[in-house]
Amino acid sequence: KCLTEQLVSEYQSKLPIAICRPSIVIAAWKEPLPGWVDNL
């Protein structure tokens, strides 16, 4: 993921780029179903 961020940045003159960095993603709070999670 560290390598890939730099790779993506190399295209910033060609594409309008936004990089989103979520932390640890867990079960749904409200939507689409409260508590929904499909992995361990």
PDB file of all heavy atoms in Angstrom:
ATOM      1  N   LYS A   1       0.834  -1.207   0.000  1.00  0.00           N
ATOM      2  CA  LYS A   1       0.000   0.000   0.000  1.00  0.00           C
ATOM      3  C   LYS A   1       0.867   1.255   0.000  1.00  0.00           C
ATOM      4  O   LYS A   1       0.508   2.278  -0.601  1.00  0.00           O
ATOM      5  CB  LYS A   1      -0.932  -0.011   1.204  1.00  0.00           C
ATOM      6  CG  LYS A   1      -2.147  -0.913   1.040  1.00  0.00           C
ATOM      7  CD  LYS A   1      -3.051  -0.425  -0.080  1.00  0.00           C
ATOM      8  CE  LYS A   1      -4.364  -1.164  -0.144  1.00  0.00           C
ATOM      9  NZ  LYS A   1      -5.243  -0.668  -1.224  1.00  0.00           N
ATOM     10  N   CYS A   2       2.005   1.191   0.688  1.00  0.00           N
ATOM     11  CA  CYS A   2       2.950   2.310   0.685  1.00  0.00           C
ATOM     12  C   CYS A   2       3.514   2.524  -0.720  1.00  0.00           C
ATOM     13  O   CYS A   2       3.560   3.654  -1.219  1.00  0.00           O
ATOM     14  CB  CYS A   2       4.063   2.032   1.686  1.00  0.00           C
ATOM     15  SG  CYS A   2       5.328   3.313   1.772  1.00  0.00           S
ATOM     16  N   LEU A   3       3.945   1.440  -1.365  1.00  0.00           N
ATOM     17  CA  LEU A   3       4.437   1.536  -2.740  1.00  0.00           C
ATOM     18  C   LEU A   3       3.371   2.098  -3.667  1.00  0.00           C
ATOM     19  O   LEU A   3       3.649   2.950  -4.527  1.00  0.00           O
ATOM     20  CB  LEU A   3       4.856   0.147  -3.242  1.00  0.00           C
ATOM     21  CG  LEU A   3       6.034  -0.556  -2.575  1.00  0.00           C
ATOM     22  CD1 LEU A   3       6.209  -1.941  -3.185  1.00  0.00           C
ATOM     23  CD2 LEU A   3       7.314   0.245  -2.732  1.00  0.00           C
ATOM     24  N   THR A   4       2.135   1.634  -3.482  1.00  0.00           N
ATOM     25  CA  THR A   4       1.057   1.992  -4.398  1.00  0.00           C
ATOM     26  C   THR A   4       0.700   3.470  -4.300  1.00  0.00           C
ATOM     27  O   THR A   4       0.375   4.100  -5.316  1.00  0.00           O
ATOM     28  CB  THR A   4      -0.175   1.119  -4.116  1.00  0.00           C
ATOM     29  OG1 THR A   4       0.193  -0.253  -4.190  1.00  0.00           O
ATOM     30  CG2 THR A   4      -1.278   1.391  -5.122  1.00  0.00           C
ATOM     31  N   GLU A   5       0.768   4.030  -3.112  1.00  0.00           N
ATOM     32  CA  GLU A   5       0.483   5.465  -2.980  1.00  0.00           C
ATOM     33  C   GLU A   5       1.442   6.293  -3.839  1.00  0.00           C
ATOM     34  O   GLU A   5       1.028   7.254  -4.494  1.00  0.00           O
ATOM     35  CB  GLU A   5       0.579   5.898  -1.515  1.00  0.00           C
ATOM     36  CG  GLU A   5      -0.681   5.665  -0.728  1.00  0.00           C
ATOM     37  CD  GLU A   5      -0.740   6.512   0.533  1.00  0.00           C
ATOM     38  OE1 GLU A   5       0.141   7.381   0.720  1.00  0.00           O
ATOM     39  OE2 GLU A   5      -1.663   6.314   1.335  1.00  0.00           O
ATOM     40  N   GLN A   6       2.722   5.937  -3.819  1.00  0.00           N
ATOM     41  CA  GLN A   6       3.672   6.687  -4.643  1.00  0.00           C
ATOM     42  C   GLN A   6       3.382   6.483  -6.122  1.00  0.00           C
ATOM     43  O   GLN A   6       3.473   7.423  -6.927  1.00  0.00           O
ATOM     44  CB  GLN A   6       5.106   6.260  -4.333  1.00  0.00           C
ATOM     45  CG  GLN A   6       6.148   6.994  -5.172  1.00  0.00           C
ATOM     46  CD  GLN A   6       7.547   6.855  -4.634  1.00  0.00           C
ATOM     47  OE1 GLN A   6       7.774   6.913  -3.427  1.00  0.00           O
ATOM     48  NE2 GLN A   6       8.510   6.655  -5.526  1.00  0.00           N
ATOM     49  N   LEU A   7       3.006   5.251  -6.484  1.00  0.00           N
ATOM     50  CA  LEU A   7       2.668   4.977  -7.879  1.00  0.00           C
ATOM     51  C   LEU A   7       1.479   5.827  -8.315  1.00  0.00           C
ATOM     52  O   LEU A   7       1.482   6.408  -9.411  1.00  0.00           O
ATOM     53  CB  LEU A   7       2.354   3.494  -8.038  1.00  0.00           C
ATOM     54  CG  LEU A   7       2.078   2.994  -9.455  1.00  0.00           C
ATOM     55  CD1 LEU A   7       3.333   3.090 -10.317  1.00  0.00           C
ATOM     56  CD2 LEU A   7       1.573   1.559  -9.423  1.00  0.00           C
ATOM     57  N   VAL A   8       0.457   5.919  -7.475  1.00  0.00           N
ATOM     58  CA  VAL A   8      -0.722   6.728  -7.791  1.00  0.00           C
ATOM     59  C   VAL A   8      -0.343   8.195  -7.950  1.00  0.00           C
ATOM     60  O   VAL A   8      -0.837   8.889  -8.850  1.00  0.00           O
ATOM     61  CB  VAL A   8      -1.796   6.548  -6.700  1.00  0.00           C
ATOM     62  CG1 VAL A   8      -2.939   7.541  -6.900  1.00  0.00           C
ATOM     63  CG2 VAL A   8      -2.337   5.127  -6.707  1.00  0.00           C
ATOM     64  N   SER A   9       0.545   8.671  -7.097  1.00  0.00           N
ATOM     65  CA  SER A   9       0.932  10.086  -7.148  1.00  0.00           C
ATOM     66  C   SER A   9       1.633  10.445  -8.456  1.00  0.00           C
ATOM     67  O   SER A   9       1.646  11.607  -8.864  1.00  0.00           O
ATOM     68  CB  SER A   9       1.836  10.419  -5.959  1.00  0.00           C
ATOM     69  OG  SER A   9       3.113   9.797  -6.085  1.00  0.00           O
ATOM     70  N   GLU A  10       2.233   9.450  -9.121  1.00  0.00           N
ATOM     71  CA  GLU A  10       2.906   9.715 -10.391  1.00  0.00           C
ATOM     72  C   GLU A  10       1.914  10.098 -11.494  1.00  0.00           C
ATOM     73  O   GLU A  10       2.313  10.627 -12.528  1.00  0.00           O
ATOM     74  CB  GLU A  10       3.717   8.491 -10.818  1.00  0.00           C
ATOM     75  CG  GLU A  10       4.875   8.166  -9.881  1.00  0.00           C
ATOM     76  CD  GLU A  10       5.601   6.880 -10.269  1.00  0.00           C
ATOM     77  OE1 GLU A  10       5.237   6.293 -11.323  1.00  0.00           O
ATOM     78  OE2 GLU A  10       6.508   6.456  -9.536  1.00  0.00           O
ATOM     79  N   TYR A  11       0.637   9.830 -11.273  1.00  0.00           N
ATOM     80  CA  TYR A  11      -0.396  10.120 -12.275  1.00  0.00           C
ATOM     81  C   TYR A  11      -1.175  11.396 -11.948  1.00  0.00           C
ATOM     82  O   TYR A  11      -2.181  11.685 -12.583  1.00  0.00           O
ATOM     83  CB  TYR A  11      -1.373   8.944 -12.380  1.00  0.00           C
ATOM     84  CG  TYR A  11      -0.806   7.747 -13.112  1.00  0.00           C
ATOM     85  CD1 TYR A  11       0.119   6.920 -12.509  1.00  0.00           C
ATOM     86  CD2 TYR A  11      -1.201   7.451 -14.412  1.00  0.00           C
ATOM     87  CE1 TYR A  11       0.649   5.818 -13.167  1.00  0.00           C
ATOM     88  CE2 TYR A  11      -0.687   6.351 -15.093  1.00  0.00           C
ATOM     89  CZ  TYR A  11       0.245   5.538 -14.462  1.00  0.00           C
ATOM     90  OH  TYR A  11       0.763   4.457 -15.128  1.00  0.00           O
ATOM     91  N   GLN A  12      -0.719  12.155 -10.954  1.00  0.00           N
ATOM     92  CA  GLN A  12      -1.503  13.315 -10.522  1.00  0.00           C
ATOM     93  C   GLN A  12      -1.561  14.427 -11.567  1.00  0.00           C
ATOM     94  O   GLN A  12      -2.459  15.276 -11.522  1.00  0.00           O
ATOM     95  CB  GLN A  12      -0.949  13.859  -9.198  1.00  0.00           C
ATOM     96  CG  GLN A  12       0.505  14.249  -9.218  1.00  0.00           C
ATOM     97  CD  GLN A  12       1.037  14.525  -7.819  1.00  0.00           C
ATOM     98  OE1 GLN A  12       0.306  14.492  -6.833  1.00  0.00           O
ATOM     99  NE2 GLN A  12       2.318  14.800  -7.724  1.00  0.00           N
ATOM    100  N   SER A  13      -0.643  14.424 -12.510  1.00  0.00           N
ATOM    101  CA  SER A  13      -0.720  15.418 -13.585  1.00  0.00           C
ATOM    102  C   SER A  13      -1.647  14.962 -14.715  1.00  0.00           C
ATOM    103  O   SER A  13      -2.051  15.766 -15.559  1.00  0.00           O
ATOM    104  CB  SER A  13       0.679  15.695 -14.146  1.00  0.00           C
ATOM    105  OG  SER A  13       1.236  14.506 -14.701  1.00  0.00           O
ATOM    106  N   LYS A  14      -1.992  13.659 -14.719  1.00  0.00           N
ATOM    107  CA  LYS A  14      -2.847  13.107 -15.770  1.00  0.00           C
ATOM    108  C   LYS A  14      -4.293  12.953 -15.329  1.00  0.00           C
ATOM    109  O   LYS A  14      -5.205  13.022 -16.156  1.00  0.00           O
ATOM    110  CB  LYS A  14      -2.310  11.740 -16.220  1.00  0.00           C
ATOM    111  CG  LYS A  14      -0.878  11.770 -16.731  1.00  0.00           C
ATOM    112  CD  LYS A  14      -0.403  10.357 -17.062  1.00  0.00           C
ATOM    113  CE  LYS A  14       1.047  10.358 -17.525  1.00  0.00           C
ATOM    114  NZ  LYS A  14       1.539   8.979 -17.833  1.00  0.00           N
ATOM    115  N   LEU A  15      -4.489  12.695 -14.028  1.00  0.00           N
ATOM    116  CA  LEU A  15      -5.824  12.431 -13.510  1.00  0.00           C
ATOM    117  C   LEU A  15      -6.076  13.269 -12.262  1.00  0.00           C
ATOM    118  O   LEU A  15      -5.137  13.545 -11.487  1.00  0.00           O
ATOM    119  CB  LEU A  15      -5.960  10.946 -13.140  1.00  0.00           C
ATOM    120  CG  LEU A  15      -5.876   9.910 -14.265  1.00  0.00           C
ATOM    121  CD1 LEU A  15      -5.699   8.512 -13.666  1.00  0.00           C
ATOM    122  CD2 LEU A  15      -7.119   9.966 -15.132  1.00  0.00           C
ATOM    123  N   PRO A  16      -7.339  13.676 -12.023  1.00  0.00           N
ATOM    124  CA  PRO A  16      -7.680  14.325 -10.744  1.00  0.00           C
ATOM    125  C   PRO A  16      -7.786  13.255  -9.656  1.00  0.00           C
ATOM    126  O   PRO A  16      -8.753  12.495  -9.622  1.00  0.00           O
ATOM    127  CB  PRO A  16      -9.032  14.979 -11.026  1.00  0.00           C
ATOM    128  CG  PRO A  16      -9.592  14.202 -12.177  1.00  0.00           C
ATOM    129  CD  PRO A  16      -8.466  13.636 -12.959  1.00  0.00           C
ATOM    130  N   ILE A  17      -6.782  13.176  -8.791  1.00  0.00           N
ATOM    131  CA  ILE A  17      -6.647  12.044  -7.874  1.00  0.00           C
ATOM    132  C   ILE A  17      -6.904  12.468  -6.442  1.00  0.00           C
ATOM    133  O   ILE A  17      -6.465  13.536  -5.981  1.00  0.00           O
ATOM    134  CB  ILE A  17      -5.232  11.426  -7.990  1.00  0.00           C
ATOM    135  CG1 ILE A  17      -5.097  10.692  -9.326  1.00  0.00           C
ATOM    136  CG2 ILE A  17      -4.937  10.473  -6.831  1.00  0.00           C
ATOM    137  CD1 ILE A  17      -3.717  10.174  -9.605  1.00  0.00           C
ATOM    138  N   ALA A  18      -7.631  11.603  -5.728  1.00  0.00           N
ATOM    139  CA  ALA A  18      -7.801  11.732  -4.281  1.00  0.00           C
ATOM    140  C   ALA A  18      -7.437  10.381  -3.654  1.00  0.00           C
ATOM    141  O   ALA A  18      -7.841   9.330  -4.149  1.00  0.00           O
ATOM    142  CB  ALA A  18      -9.233  12.117  -3.927  1.00  0.00           C
ATOM    143  N   ILE A  19      -6.667  10.426  -2.581  1.00  0.00           N
ATOM    144  CA  ILE A  19      -6.260   9.212  -1.880  1.00  0.00           C
ATOM    145  C   ILE A  19      -6.963   9.177  -0.529  1.00  0.00           C
ATOM    146  O   ILE A  19      -6.864  10.123   0.257  1.00  0.00           O
ATOM    147  CB  ILE A  19      -4.730   9.161  -1.694  1.00  0.00           C
ATOM    148  CG1 ILE A  19      -4.038   9.071  -3.051  1.00  0.00           C
ATOM    149  CG2 ILE A  19      -4.328   7.983  -0.817  1.00  0.00           C
ATOM    150  CD1 ILE A  19      -2.526   9.130  -2.989  1.00  0.00           C
ATOM    151  N   CYS A  20      -7.678   8.092  -0.291  1.00  0.00           N
ATOM    152  CA  CYS A  20      -8.435   7.919   0.954  1.00  0.00           C
ATOM    153  C   CYS A  20      -7.739   6.865   1.804  1.00  0.00           C
ATOM    154  O   CYS A  20      -7.487   5.751   1.322  1.00  0.00           O
ATOM    155  CB  CYS A  20      -9.864   7.497   0.618  1.00  0.00           C
ATOM    156  SG  CYS A  20     -10.880   7.072   2.039  1.00  0.00           S
ATOM    157  N   ARG A  21      -7.446   7.195   3.068  1.00  0.00           N
ATOM    158  CA  ARG A  21      -6.734   6.272   3.967  1.00  0.00           C
ATOM    159  C   ARG A  21      -7.614   5.892   5.164  1.00  0.00           C
ATOM    160  O   ARG A  21      -7.521   6.508   6.228  1.00  0.00           O
ATOM    161  CB  ARG A  21      -5.456   6.919   4.493  1.00  0.00           C
ATOM    162  CG  ARG A  21      -4.371   7.202   3.482  1.00  0.00           C
ATOM    163  CD  ARG A  21      -3.229   7.913   4.180  1.00  0.00           C
ATOM    164  NE  ARG A  21      -2.112   8.225   3.314  1.00  0.00           N
ATOM    165  CZ  ARG A  21      -1.294   9.257   3.518  1.00  0.00           C
ATOM    166  NH1 ARG A  21      -1.500  10.073   4.554  1.00  0.00           N
ATOM    167  NH2 ARG A  21      -0.275   9.465   2.706  1.00  0.00           N
ATOM    168  N   PRO A  22      -8.454   4.880   5.030  1.00  0.00           N
ATOM    169  CA  PRO A  22      -9.220   4.432   6.204  1.00  0.00           C
ATOM    170  C   PRO A  22      -8.311   3.691   7.187  1.00  0.00           C
ATOM    171  O   PRO A  22      -7.322   3.074   6.800  1.00  0.00           O
ATOM    172  CB  PRO A  22     -10.260   3.474   5.600  1.00  0.00           C
ATOM    173  CG  PRO A  22     -10.173   3.661   4.120  1.00  0.00           C
ATOM    174  CD  PRO A  22      -8.804   4.135   3.830  1.00  0.00           C
ATOM    175  N   SER A  23      -8.672   3.736   8.465  1.00  0.00           N
ATOM    176  CA  SER A  23      -7.965   2.926   9.448  1.00  0.00           C
ATOM    177  C   SER A  23      -8.606   1.541   9.475  1.00  0.00           C
ATOM    178  O   SER A  23      -9.044   1.041   8.444  1.00  0.00           O
ATOM    179  CB  SER A  23      -7.988   3.605  10.826  1.00  0.00           C
ATOM    180  OG  SER A  23      -9.313   3.773  11.292  1.00  0.00           O
ATOM    181  N   ILE A  24      -8.709   0.896  10.621  1.00  0.00           N
ATOM    182  CA  ILE A  24      -9.284  -0.446  10.698  1.00  0.00           C
ATOM    183  C   ILE A  24     -10.797  -0.344  10.510  1.00  0.00           C
ATOM    184  O   ILE A  24     -11.488   0.305  11.295  1.00  0.00           O
ATOM    185  CB  ILE A  24      -8.948  -1.098  12.046  1.00  0.00           C
ATOM    186  CG1 ILE A  24      -7.427  -1.190  12.220  1.00  0.00           C
ATOM    187  CG2 ILE A  24      -9.570  -2.479  12.148  1.00  0.00           C
ATOM    188  CD1 ILE A  24      -6.991  -1.676  13.592  1.00  0.00           C
ATOM    189  N   VAL A  25     -11.317  -0.975   9.461  1.00  0.00           N
ATOM    190  CA  VAL A  25     -12.742  -0.875   9.114  1.00  0.00           C
ATOM    191  C   VAL A  25     -13.500  -2.027   9.765  1.00  0.00           C
ATOM    192  O   VAL A  25     -13.138  -3.197   9.604  1.00  0.00           O
ATOM    193  CB  VAL A  25     -12.934  -0.897   7.583  1.00  0.00           C
ATOM    194  CG1 VAL A  25     -14.409  -0.762   7.233  1.00  0.00           C
ATOM    195  CG2 VAL A  25     -12.128   0.223   6.928  1.00  0.00           C
ATOM    196  N   ILE A  26     -14.552  -1.688  10.496  1.00  0.00           N
ATOM    197  CA  ILE A  26     -15.325  -2.691  11.239  1.00  0.00           C
ATOM    198  C   ILE A  26     -16.797  -2.637  10.837  1.00  0.00           C
ATOM    199  O   ILE A  26     -17.155  -1.966   9.873  1.00  0.00           O
ATOM    200  CB  ILE A  26     -15.157  -2.496  12.767  1.00  0.00           C
ATOM    201  CG1 ILE A  26     -15.567  -1.076  13.169  1.00  0.00           C
ATOM    202  CG2 ILE A  26     -13.729  -2.769  13.192  1.00  0.00           C
ATOM    203  CD1 ILE A  26     -15.539  -0.842  14.677  1.00  0.00           C
ATOM    204  N   ALA A  27     -17.633  -3.331  11.566  1.00  0.00           N
ATOM    205  CA  ALA A  27     -19.046  -3.515  11.199  1.00  0.00           C
ATOM    206  C   ALA A  27     -19.790  -2.191  11.062  1.00  0.00           C
ATOM    207  O   ALA A  27     -19.420  -1.166  11.646  1.00  0.00           O
ATOM    208  CB  ALA A  27     -19.735  -4.391  12.239  1.00  0.00           C
ATOM    209  N   ALA A  28     -20.881  -2.236  10.298  1.00  0.00           N
ATOM    210  CA  ALA A  28     -21.677  -1.034  10.026  1.00  0.00           C
ATOM    211  C   ALA A  28     -22.288  -0.469  11.303  1.00  0.00           C
ATOM    212  O   ALA A  28     -22.714  -1.210  12.189  1.00  0.00           O
ATOM    213  CB  ALA A  28     -22.781  -1.357   9.028  1.00  0.00           C
ATOM    214  N   TRP A  29     -22.330   0.840  11.358  1.00  0.00           N
ATOM    215  CA  TRP A  29     -22.944   1.541  12.493  1.00  0.00           C
ATOM    216  C   TRP A  29     -24.459   1.656  12.268  1.00  0.00           C
ATOM    217  O   TRP A  29     -25.257   1.208  13.081  1.00  0.00           O
ATOM    218  CB  TRP A  29     -22.288   2.908  12.630  1.00  0.00           C
ATOM    219  CG  TRP A  29     -22.859   3.810  13.678  1.00  0.00           C
ATOM    220  CD1 TRP A  29     -23.526   3.441  14.806  1.00  0.00           C
ATOM    221  CD2 TRP A  29     -22.794   5.241  13.699  1.00  0.00           C
ATOM    222  NE1 TRP A  29     -23.896   4.555  15.535  1.00  0.00           N
ATOM    223  CE2 TRP A  29     -23.445   5.673  14.882  1.00  0.00           C
ATOM    224  CE3 TRP A  29     -22.245   6.193  12.858  1.00  0.00           C
ATOM    225  CZ2 TRP A  29     -23.564   7.024  15.221  1.00  0.00           C
ATOM    226  CZ3 TRP A  29     -22.350   7.535  13.198  1.00  0.00           C
ATOM    227  CH2 TRP A  29     -23.004   7.931  14.368  1.00  0.00           C
ATOM    228  N   LYS A  30     -24.865   2.223  11.129  1.00  0.00           N
ATOM    229  CA  LYS A  30     -26.284   2.443  10.842  1.00  0.00           C
ATOM    230  C   LYS A  30     -26.726   1.760   9.557  1.00  0.00           C
ATOM    231  O   LYS A  30     -27.815   1.171   9.500  1.00  0.00           O
ATOM    232  CB  LYS A  30     -26.573   3.941  10.718  1.00  0.00           C
ATOM    233  CG  LYS A  30     -26.291   4.760  11.975  1.00  0.00           C
ATOM    234  CD  LYS A  30     -26.575   6.237  11.696  1.00  0.00           C
ATOM    235  CE  LYS A  30     -26.272   7.118  12.892  1.00  0.00           C
ATOM    236  NZ  LYS A  30     -26.520   8.553  12.594  1.00  0.00           N
ATOM    237  N   GLU A  31     -25.926   1.891   8.502  1.00  0.00           N
ATOM    238  CA  GLU A  31     -26.335   1.448   7.170  1.00  0.00           C
ATOM    239  C   GLU A  31     -25.300   0.514   6.569  1.00  0.00           C
ATOM    240  O   GLU A  31     -24.115   0.594   6.921  1.00  0.00           O
ATOM    241  CB  GLU A  31     -26.527   2.659   6.237  1.00  0.00           C
ATOM    242  CG  GLU A  31     -27.582   3.637   6.674  1.00  0.00           C
ATOM    243  CD  GLU A  31     -27.611   4.873   5.777  1.00  0.00           C
ATOM    244  OE1 GLU A  31     -26.630   5.123   5.043  1.00  0.00           O
ATOM    245  OE2 GLU A  31     -28.615   5.594   5.824  1.00  0.00           O
ATOM    246  N   PRO A  32     -25.713  -0.329   5.630  1.00  0.00           N
ATOM    247  CA  PRO A  32     -27.096  -0.583   5.176  1.00  0.00           C
ATOM    248  C   PRO A  32     -27.912  -1.379   6.189  1.00  0.00           C
ATOM    249  O   PRO A  32     -29.131  -1.331   6.186  1.00  0.00           O
ATOM    250  CB  PRO A  32     -26.898  -1.377   3.890  1.00  0.00           C
ATOM    251  CG  PRO A  32     -25.585  -2.064   4.092  1.00  0.00           C
ATOM    252  CD  PRO A  32     -24.737  -1.141   4.907  1.00  0.00           C
ATOM    253  N   LEU A  33     -27.206  -2.128   7.070  1.00  0.00           N
ATOM    254  CA  LEU A  33     -27.847  -2.852   8.165  1.00  0.00           C
ATOM    255  C   LEU A  33     -26.977  -2.669   9.401  1.00  0.00           C
ATOM    256  O   LEU A  33     -25.776  -2.919   9.344  1.00  0.00           O
ATOM    257  CB  LEU A  33     -27.967  -4.350   7.831  1.00  0.00           C
ATOM    258  CG  LEU A  33     -28.796  -4.739   6.602  1.00  0.00           C
ATOM    259  CD1 LEU A  33     -28.525  -6.189   6.225  1.00  0.00           C
ATOM    260  CD2 LEU A  33     -30.272  -4.527   6.885  1.00  0.00           C
ATOM    261  N   PRO A  34     -27.531  -2.243  10.513  1.00  0.00           N
ATOM    262  CA  PRO A  34     -26.721  -2.075  11.721  1.00  0.00           C
ATOM    263  C   PRO A  34     -26.015  -3.378  12.094  1.00  0.00           C
ATOM    264  O   PRO A  34     -26.630  -4.439  12.170  1.00  0.00           O
ATOM    265  CB  PRO A  34     -27.749  -1.673  12.786  1.00  0.00           C
ATOM    266  CG  PRO A  34     -28.870  -1.057  12.015  1.00  0.00           C
ATOM    267  CD  PRO A  34     -28.940  -1.817  10.728  1.00  0.00           C
ATOM    268  N   GLY A  35     -24.707  -3.292  12.285  1.00  0.00           N
ATOM    269  CA  GLY A  35     -23.930  -4.461  12.672  1.00  0.00           C
ATOM    270  C   GLY A  35     -23.502  -5.348  11.530  1.00  0.00           C
ATOM    271  O   GLY A  35     -22.847  -6.370  11.757  1.00  0.00           O
ATOM    272  N   TRP A  36     -23.827  -4.993  10.275  1.00  0.00           N
ATOM    273  CA  TRP A  36     -23.482  -5.877   9.165  1.00  0.00           C
ATOM    274  C   TRP A  36     -21.976  -5.965   8.974  1.00  0.00           C
ATOM    275  O   TRP A  36     -21.261  -4.969   8.942  1.00  0.00           O
ATOM    276  CB  TRP A  36     -24.125  -5.395   7.868  1.00  0.00           C
ATOM    277  CG  TRP A  36     -23.790  -6.311   6.716  1.00  0.00           C
ATOM    278  CD1 TRP A  36     -24.391  -7.501   6.423  1.00  0.00           C
ATOM    279  CD2 TRP A  36     -22.780  -6.114   5.736  1.00  0.00           C
ATOM    280  NE1 TRP A  36     -23.798  -8.063   5.319  1.00  0.00           N
ATOM    281  CE2 TRP A  36     -22.807  -7.237   4.884  1.00  0.00           C
ATOM    282  CE3 TRP A  36     -21.834  -5.105   5.514  1.00  0.00           C
ATOM    283  CZ2 TRP A  36     -21.938  -7.376   3.805  1.00  0.00           C
ATOM    284  CZ3 TRP A  36     -20.958  -5.245   4.445  1.00  0.00           C
ATOM    285  CH2 TRP A  36     -21.023  -6.370   3.602  1.00  0.00           C
ATOM    286  N   VAL A  37     -21.481  -7.182   8.842  1.00  0.00           N
ATOM    287  CA  VAL A  37     -20.078  -7.457   8.555  1.00  0.00           C
ATOM    288  C   VAL A  37     -20.034  -8.828   7.885  1.00  0.00           C
ATOM    289  O   VAL A  37     -20.811  -9.717   8.234  1.00  0.00           O
ATOM    290  CB  VAL A  37     -19.223  -7.415   9.845  1.00  0.00           C
ATOM    291  CG1 VAL A  37     -19.691  -8.451  10.855  1.00  0.00           C
ATOM    292  CG2 VAL A  37     -17.738  -7.595   9.546  1.00  0.00           C
ATOM    293  N   ASP A  38     -19.154  -8.992   6.917  1.00  0.00           N
ATOM    294  CA  ASP A  38     -19.154 -10.254   6.159  1.00  0.00           C
ATOM    295  C   ASP A  38     -17.794 -10.943   6.133  1.00  0.00           C
ATOM    296  O   ASP A  38     -17.538 -11.790   5.278  1.00  0.00           O
ATOM    297  CB  ASP A  38     -19.632 -10.014   4.725  1.00  0.00           C
ATOM    298  CG  ASP A  38     -18.615  -9.234   3.898  1.00  0.00           C
ATOM    299  OD1 ASP A  38     -17.689  -8.640   4.486  1.00  0.00           O
ATOM    300  OD2 ASP A  38     -18.741  -9.209   2.654  1.00  0.00           O
ATOM    301  N   ASN A  39     -16.906 -10.588   7.074  1.00  0.00           N
ATOM    302  CA  ASN A  39     -15.586 -11.211   7.084  1.00  0.00           C
ATOM    303  C   ASN A  39     -15.083 -11.321   8.516  1.00  0.00           C
ATOM    304  O   ASN A  39     -15.652 -10.732   9.443  1.00  0.00           O
ATOM    305  CB  ASN A  39     -14.596 -10.403   6.235  1.00  0.00           C
ATOM    306  CG  ASN A  39     -14.397  -9.002   6.771  1.00  0.00           C
ATOM    307  OD1 ASN A  39     -13.692  -8.780   7.744  1.00  0.00           O
ATOM    308  ND2 ASN A  39     -15.042  -8.013   6.132  1.00  0.00           N
ATOM    309  N   LEU A  40     -14.019 -12.091   8.690  1.00  0.00           N
ATOM    310  CA  LEU A  40     -13.450 -12.311  10.021  1.00  0.00           C
ATOM    311  C   LEU A  40     -12.132 -11.570  10.196  1.00  0.00           C
ATOM    312  O   LEU A  40     -11.308 -11.933  11.040  1.00  0.00           O
ATOM    313  CB  LEU A  40     -13.228 -13.818  10.249  1.00  0.00           C
ATOM    314  CG  LEU A  40     -14.477 -14.698  10.167  1.00  0.00           C
ATOM    315  CD1 LEU A  40     -14.119 -16.154  10.425  1.00  0.00           C
ATOM    316  CD2 LEU A  40     -15.542 -14.236  11.138  1.00  0.00           C
TER     317      LEU A  40
END
